[in-house]
PDB file of N, CA and C in Angstrom:
ATOM      1  N   MET A   1       0.844  -1.185   0.000  1.00  0.00           N
ATOM      2  CA  MET A   1       0.000   0.000   0.000  1.00  0.00           C
ATOM      3  C   MET A   1       0.887   1.246   0.000  1.00  0.00           C
ATOM      4  N   ALA A   2       0.560   2.203  -0.859  1.00  0.00           N
ATOM      5  CA  ALA A   2       1.341   3.427  -0.994  1.00  0.00           C
ATOM      6  C   ALA A   2       1.060   4.373   0.168  1.00  0.00           C
ATOM      7  N   SER A   3       2.070   5.176   0.485  1.00  0.00           N
ATOM      8  CA  SER A   3       1.914   6.191   1.527  1.00  0.00           C
ATOM      9  C   SER A   3       1.209   7.412   0.957  1.00  0.00           C
ATOM     10  N   THR A   4       0.519   8.136   1.821  1.00  0.00           N
ATOM     11  CA  THR A   4      -0.117   9.386   1.415  1.00  0.00           C
ATOM     12  C   THR A   4       0.340  10.499   2.350  1.00  0.00           C
ATOM     13  N   VAL A   5       0.166  11.731   1.875  1.00  0.00           N
ATOM     14  CA  VAL A   5       0.514  12.904   2.662  1.00  0.00           C
ATOM     15  C   VAL A   5      -0.516  13.995   2.361  1.00  0.00           C
ATOM     16  N   ARG A   6      -0.794  14.841   3.330  1.00  0.00           N
ATOM     17  CA  ARG A   6      -1.706  15.972   3.149  1.00  0.00           C
ATOM     18  C   ARG A   6      -0.873  17.200   2.818  1.00  0.00           C
ATOM     19  N   ILE A   7      -1.228  17.867   1.704  1.00  0.00           N
ATOM     20  CA  ILE A   7      -0.468  19.024   1.230  1.00  0.00           C
ATOM     21  C   ILE A   7      -1.415  20.207   1.073  1.00  0.00           C
ATOM     22  N   PRO A   8      -1.021  21.387   1.581  1.00  0.00           N
ATOM     23  CA  PRO A   8      -1.875  22.574   1.432  1.00  0.00           C
ATOM     24  C   PRO A   8      -1.781  23.171   0.025  1.00  0.00           C
ATOM     25  N   LEU A   9      -2.856  23.850  -0.383  1.00  0.00           N
ATOM     26  CA  LEU A   9      -2.893  24.603  -1.633  1.00  0.00           C
ATOM     27  C   LEU A   9      -2.696  26.074  -1.280  1.00  0.00           C
ATOM     28  N   ALA A  10      -1.821  26.745  -2.019  1.00  0.00           N
ATOM     29  CA  ALA A  10      -1.508  28.147  -1.737  1.00  0.00           C
ATOM     30  C   ALA A  10      -1.890  29.024  -2.925  1.00  0.00           C
ATOM     31  N   ASP A  11      -2.491  30.143  -2.622  1.00  0.00           N
ATOM     32  CA  ASP A  11      -2.913  31.139  -3.611  1.00  0.00           C
ATOM     33  C   ASP A  11      -4.075  30.588  -4.449  1.00  0.00           C
ATOM     34  N   GLY A  12      -4.553  31.371  -5.370  1.00  0.00           N
ATOM     35  CA  GLY A  12      -5.626  30.946  -6.258  1.00  0.00           C
ATOM     36  C   GLY A  12      -6.946  30.692  -5.551  1.00  0.00           C
ATOM     37  N   PRO A  13      -7.912  30.159  -6.282  1.00  0.00           N
ATOM     38  CA  PRO A  13      -9.253  29.973  -5.746  1.00  0.00           C
ATOM     39  C   PRO A  13      -9.351  28.949  -4.617  1.00  0.00           C
ATOM     40  N   ALA A  14      -8.408  28.028  -4.509  1.00  0.00           N
ATOM     41  CA  ALA A  14      -8.471  27.001  -3.459  1.00  0.00           C
ATOM     42  C   ALA A  14      -7.498  27.285  -2.313  1.00  0.00           C
ATOM     43  N   ASP A  15      -7.031  28.520  -2.208  1.00  0.00           N
ATOM     44  CA  ASP A  15      -6.074  28.897  -1.166  1.00  0.00           C
ATOM     45  C   ASP A  15      -6.570  28.462   0.217  1.00  0.00           C
ATOM     46  N   GLY A  16      -5.690  27.796   0.960  1.00  0.00           N
ATOM     47  CA  GLY A  16      -6.029  27.370   2.309  1.00  0.00           C
ATOM     48  C   GLY A  16      -6.605  25.968   2.397  1.00  0.00           C
ATOM     49  N   GLU A  17      -7.039  25.394   1.280  1.00  0.00           N
ATOM     50  CA  GLU A  17      -7.530  24.018   1.296  1.00  0.00           C
ATOM     51  C   GLU A  17      -6.338  23.065   1.346  1.00  0.00           C
ATOM     52  N   THR A  18      -6.582  21.822   1.708  1.00  0.00           N
ATOM     53  CA  THR A  18      -5.546  20.789   1.679  1.00  0.00           C
ATOM     54  C   THR A  18      -6.059  19.603   0.878  1.00  0.00           C
ATOM     55  N   ILE A  19      -5.117  18.835   0.332  1.00  0.00           N
ATOM     56  CA  ILE A  19      -5.477  17.617  -0.396  1.00  0.00           C
ATOM     57  C   ILE A  19      -4.579  16.483   0.074  1.00  0.00           C
ATOM     58  N   ASP A  20      -5.081  15.268  -0.009  1.00  0.00           N
ATOM     59  CA  ASP A  20      -4.297  14.072   0.284  1.00  0.00           C
ATOM     60  C   ASP A  20      -3.819  13.497  -1.039  1.00  0.00           C
ATOM     61  N   VAL A  21      -2.502  13.280  -1.150  1.00  0.00           N
ATOM     62  CA  VAL A  21      -1.934  12.718  -2.376  1.00  0.00           C
ATOM     63  C   VAL A  21      -1.111  11.484  -2.050  1.00  0.00           C
ATOM     64  N   GLU A  22      -1.015  10.603  -3.024  1.00  0.00           N
ATOM     65  CA  GLU A  22      -0.235   9.382  -2.888  1.00  0.00           C
ATOM     66  C   GLU A  22       1.211   9.662  -3.289  1.00  0.00           C
ATOM     67  N   LEU A  23       2.145   9.168  -2.495  1.00  0.00           N
ATOM     68  CA  LEU A  23       3.565   9.351  -2.785  1.00  0.00           C
ATOM     69  C   LEU A  23       4.049   8.281  -3.752  1.00  0.00           C
ATOM     70  N   ASP A  24       5.009   8.647  -4.595  1.00  0.00           N
ATOM     71  CA  ASP A  24       5.588   7.679  -5.526  1.00  0.00           C
ATOM     72  C   ASP A  24       6.596   6.790  -4.791  1.00  0.00           C
ATOM     73  N   PRO A  25       7.239   5.850  -5.470  1.00  0.00           N
ATOM     74  CA  PRO A  25       8.197   4.955  -4.798  1.00  0.00           C
ATOM     75  C   PRO A  25       9.385   5.683  -4.146  1.00  0.00           C
ATOM     76  N   ASN A  26       9.647   6.929  -4.563  1.00  0.00           N
ATOM     77  CA  ASN A  26      10.729   7.732  -3.981  1.00  0.00           C
ATOM     78  C   ASN A  26      10.221   8.660  -2.882  1.00  0.00           C
ATOM     79  N   ASP A  27       8.985   8.425  -2.411  1.00  0.00           N
ATOM     80  CA  ASP A  27       8.351   9.231  -1.358  1.00  0.00           C
ATOM     81  C   ASP A  27       8.166  10.693  -1.745  1.00  0.00           C
ATOM     82  N   ARG A  28       7.821  10.919  -3.023  1.00  0.00           N
ATOM     83  CA  ARG A  28       7.540  12.272  -3.504  1.00  0.00           C
ATOM     84  C   ARG A  28       6.118  12.343  -4.034  1.00  0.00           C
ATOM     85  N   PRO A  29       5.435  13.465  -3.816  1.00  0.00           N
ATOM     86  CA  PRO A  29       4.085  13.645  -4.366  1.00  0.00           C
ATOM     87  C   PRO A  29       4.149  14.000  -5.854  1.00  0.00           C
ATOM     88  N   PRO A  30       3.012  13.951  -6.554  1.00  0.00           N
ATOM     89  CA  PRO A  30       2.977  14.378  -7.963  1.00  0.00           C
ATOM     90  C   PRO A  30       3.436  15.836  -8.101  1.00  0.00           C
ATOM     91  N   LEU A  31       4.036  16.155  -9.237  1.00  0.00           N
ATOM     92  CA  LEU A  31       4.570  17.504  -9.456  1.00  0.00           C
ATOM     93  C   LEU A  31       3.481  18.554  -9.625  1.00  0.00           C
ATOM     94  N   THR A  32       2.311  18.156 -10.097  1.00  0.00           N
ATOM     95  CA  THR A  32       1.213  19.098 -10.262  1.00  0.00           C
ATOM     96  C   THR A  32      -0.079  18.503  -9.709  1.00  0.00           C
ATOM     97  N   HIS A  33      -1.019  19.389  -9.416  1.00  0.00           N
ATOM     98  CA  HIS A  33      -2.356  18.991  -8.989  1.00  0.00           C
ATOM     99  C   HIS A  33      -3.345  19.814  -9.787  1.00  0.00           C
ATOM    100  N   HIS A  34      -4.293  19.147 -10.446  1.00  0.00           N
ATOM    101  CA  HIS A  34      -5.359  19.834 -11.177  1.00  0.00           C
ATOM    102  C   HIS A  34      -6.576  19.866 -10.260  1.00  0.00           C
ATOM    103  N   HIS A  35      -6.828  21.029  -9.687  1.00  0.00           N
ATOM    104  CA  HIS A  35      -7.928  21.196  -8.742  1.00  0.00           C
ATOM    105  C   HIS A  35      -9.206  21.510  -9.516  1.00  0.00           C
ATOM    106  N   LEU A  36     -10.178  20.598  -9.447  1.00  0.00           N
ATOM    107  CA  LEU A  36     -11.414  20.773 -10.202  1.00  0.00           C
ATOM    108  C   LEU A  36     -12.290  21.841  -9.572  1.00  0.00           C
ATOM    109  N   GLY A  37     -12.861  22.672 -10.420  1.00  0.00           N
ATOM    110  CA  GLY A  37     -13.775  23.713  -9.960  1.00  0.00           C
ATOM    111  C   GLY A  37     -15.213  23.229 -10.001  1.00  0.00           C
ATOM    112  N   PRO A  38     -16.162  24.129  -9.778  1.00  0.00           N
ATOM    113  CA  PRO A  38     -17.572  23.769  -9.763  1.00  0.00           C
ATOM    114  C   PRO A  38     -18.051  23.122 -11.072  1.00  0.00           C
ATOM    115  N   GLU A  39     -17.411  23.449 -12.189  1.00  0.00           N
ATOM    116  CA  GLU A  39     -17.795  22.889 -13.482  1.00  0.00           C
ATOM    117  C   GLU A  39     -16.868  21.764 -13.924  1.00  0.00           C
ATOM    118  N   GLY A  40     -16.149  21.149 -12.997  1.00  0.00           N
ATOM    119  CA  GLY A  40     -15.259  20.031 -13.319  1.00  0.00           C
ATOM    120  C   GLY A  40     -14.013  20.477 -14.057  1.00  0.00           C
ATOM    121  N   LEU A  41     -13.615  19.687 -15.063  1.00  0.00           N
ATOM    122  CA  LEU A  41     -12.391  19.991 -15.811  1.00  0.00           C
ATOM    123  C   LEU A  41     -12.445  21.335 -16.531  1.00  0.00           C
ATOM    124  N   ALA A  42     -13.629  21.760 -16.920  1.00  0.00           N
ATOM    125  CA  ALA A  42     -13.764  23.041 -17.620  1.00  0.00           C
ATOM    126  C   ALA A  42     -13.369  24.213 -16.730  1.00  0.00           C
ATOM    127  N   ASP A  43     -13.355  24.002 -15.427  1.00  0.00           N
ATOM    128  CA  ASP A  43     -13.052  25.062 -14.463  1.00  0.00           C
ATOM    129  C   ASP A  43     -11.837  24.702 -13.601  1.00  0.00           C
ATOM    130  N   ALA A  44     -10.987  23.783 -14.083  1.00  0.00           N
ATOM    131  CA  ALA A  44      -9.848  23.300 -13.295  1.00  0.00           C
ATOM    132  C   ALA A  44      -8.752  24.362 -13.167  1.00  0.00           C
ATOM    133  N   GLN A  45      -8.055  24.315 -12.040  1.00  0.00           N
ATOM    134  CA  GLN A  45      -6.928  25.200 -11.761  1.00  0.00           C
ATOM    135  C   GLN A  45      -5.673  24.339 -11.561  1.00  0.00           C
ATOM    136  N   ILE A  46      -4.532  24.812 -12.051  1.00  0.00           N
ATOM    137  CA  ILE A  46      -3.288  24.059 -11.930  1.00  0.00           C
ATOM    138  C   ILE A  46      -2.490  24.575 -10.742  1.00  0.00           C
ATOM    139  N   TYR A  47      -2.074  23.651  -9.893  1.00  0.00           N
ATOM    140  CA  TYR A  47      -1.202  23.938  -8.758  1.00  0.00           C
ATOM    141  C   TYR A  47       0.081  23.133  -8.944  1.00  0.00           C
ATOM    142  N   GLU A  48       1.235  23.760  -8.668  1.00  0.00           N
ATOM    143  CA  GLU A  48       2.537  23.131  -8.874  1.00  0.00           C
ATOM    144  C   GLU A  48       3.234  22.916  -7.535  1.00  0.00           C
ATOM    145  N   LEU A  49       3.859  21.760  -7.384  1.00  0.00           N
ATOM    146  CA  LEU A  49       4.533  21.396  -6.150  1.00  0.00           C
ATOM    147  C   LEU A  49       5.731  22.301  -5.889  1.00  0.00           C
ATOM    148  N   GLU A  50       5.885  22.730  -4.642  1.00  0.00           N
ATOM    149  CA  GLU A  50       7.063  23.496  -4.198  1.00  0.00           C
ATOM    150  C   GLU A  50       7.495  22.990  -2.837  1.00  0.00           C
ATOM    151  N   SER A  51       8.763  23.189  -2.546  1.00  0.00           N
ATOM    152  CA  SER A  51       9.242  22.925  -1.185  1.00  0.00           C
ATOM    153  C   SER A  51       8.713  24.016  -0.277  1.00  0.00           C
ATOM    154  N   ALA A  52       8.410  23.641   0.947  1.00  0.00           N
ATOM    155  CA  ALA A  52       7.909  24.613   1.920  1.00  0.00           C
ATOM    156  C   ALA A  52       8.780  24.542   3.161  1.00  0.00           C
ATOM    157  N   GLY A  53       8.810  25.615   3.897  1.00  0.00           N
ATOM    158  CA  GLY A  53       9.596  25.645   5.117  1.00  0.00           C
ATOM    159  C   GLY A  53       8.761  25.256   6.326  1.00  0.00           C
ATOM    160  N   GLY A  54       9.408  25.191   7.456  1.00  0.00           N
ATOM    161  CA  GLY A  54       8.697  24.902   8.703  1.00  0.00           C
ATOM    162  C   GLY A  54       8.287  23.443   8.809  1.00  0.00           C
ATOM    163  N   ASP A  55       7.122  23.224   9.404  1.00  0.00           N
ATOM    164  CA  ASP A  55       6.630  21.869   9.626  1.00  0.00           C
ATOM    165  C   ASP A  55       6.162  21.193   8.340  1.00  0.00           C
ATOM    166  N   GLN A  56       5.785  21.978   7.362  1.00  0.00           N
ATOM    167  CA  GLN A  56       5.251  21.433   6.110  1.00  0.00           C
ATOM    168  C   GLN A  56       6.374  21.245   5.113  1.00  0.00           C
ATOM    169  N   GLN A  57       6.527  20.023   4.582  1.00  0.00           N
ATOM    170  CA  GLN A  57       7.612  19.736   3.643  1.00  0.00           C
ATOM    171  C   GLN A  57       7.317  20.277   2.241  1.00  0.00           C
ATOM    172  N   TRP A  58       6.028  20.241   1.831  1.00  0.00           N
ATOM    173  CA  TRP A  58       5.642  20.677   0.496  1.00  0.00           C
ATOM    174  C   TRP A  58       4.375  21.520   0.547  1.00  0.00           C
ATOM    175  N   CYS A  59       4.155  22.256  -0.550  1.00  0.00           N
ATOM    176  CA  CYS A  59       2.863  22.899  -0.793  1.00  0.00           C
ATOM    177  C   CYS A  59       2.649  22.918  -2.297  1.00  0.00           C
ATOM    178  N   TYR A  60       1.398  23.055  -2.700  1.00  0.00           N
ATOM    179  CA  TYR A  60       1.061  23.242  -4.108  1.00  0.00           C
ATOM    180  C   TYR A  60       0.693  24.712  -4.289  1.00  0.00           C
ATOM    181  N   ARG A  61       1.442  25.417  -5.173  1.00  0.00           N
ATOM    182  CA  ARG A  61       1.214  26.844  -5.426  1.00  0.00           C
ATOM    183  C   ARG A  61       0.452  27.015  -6.737  1.00  0.00           C
ATOM    184  N   TRP A  62      -0.547  27.898  -6.734  1.00  0.00           N
ATOM    185  CA  TRP A  62      -1.400  28.141  -7.889  1.00  0.00           C
ATOM    186  C   TRP A  62      -0.604  28.711  -9.041  1.00  0.00           C
ATOM    187  N   ARG A  63      -0.845  28.155 -10.253  1.00  0.00           N
ATOM    188  CA  ARG A  63      -0.184  28.648 -11.462  1.00  0.00           C
ATOM    189  C   ARG A  63      -1.151  29.215 -12.485  1.00  0.00           C
ATOM    190  N   GLY A  64      -2.437  28.901 -12.333  1.00  0.00           N
ATOM    191  CA  GLY A  64      -3.429  29.464 -13.243  1.00  0.00           C
ATOM    192  C   GLY A  64      -4.426  28.435 -13.706  1.00  0.00           C
ATOM    193  N   PRO A  65      -5.365  28.871 -14.556  1.00  0.00           N
ATOM    194  CA  PRO A  65      -6.381  27.953 -15.052  1.00  0.00           C
ATOM    195  C   PRO A  65      -5.782  26.927 -16.002  1.00  0.00           C
ATOM    196  N   ALA A  66      -6.414  25.759 -16.067  1.00  0.00           N
ATOM    197  CA  ALA A  66      -5.916  24.678 -16.911  1.00  0.00           C
ATOM    198  C   ALA A  66      -6.246  24.891 -18.392  1.00  0.00           C
ATOM    199  N   VAL A  67      -7.205  25.749 -18.679  1.00  0.00           N
ATOM    200  CA  VAL A  67      -7.580  25.972 -20.086  1.00  0.00           C
ATOM    201  C   VAL A  67      -7.090  27.286 -20.590  1.00  0.00           C
TER     202      VAL A  67
END
């Protein structure tokens, strides 16, 4: 069974939310997260993985709409 980690979303429409992601065999989360909006993929926002300081090892920072 793969490990999971909770990562916060920073900036953009989902700022302050967190998501649970599955880690790869090297214990790293996916490089991007497509956060679905109210209209699904048509309203998706792209968040990119970054290193974070303090207690949180990573965060996903908003990069813009997927379309």
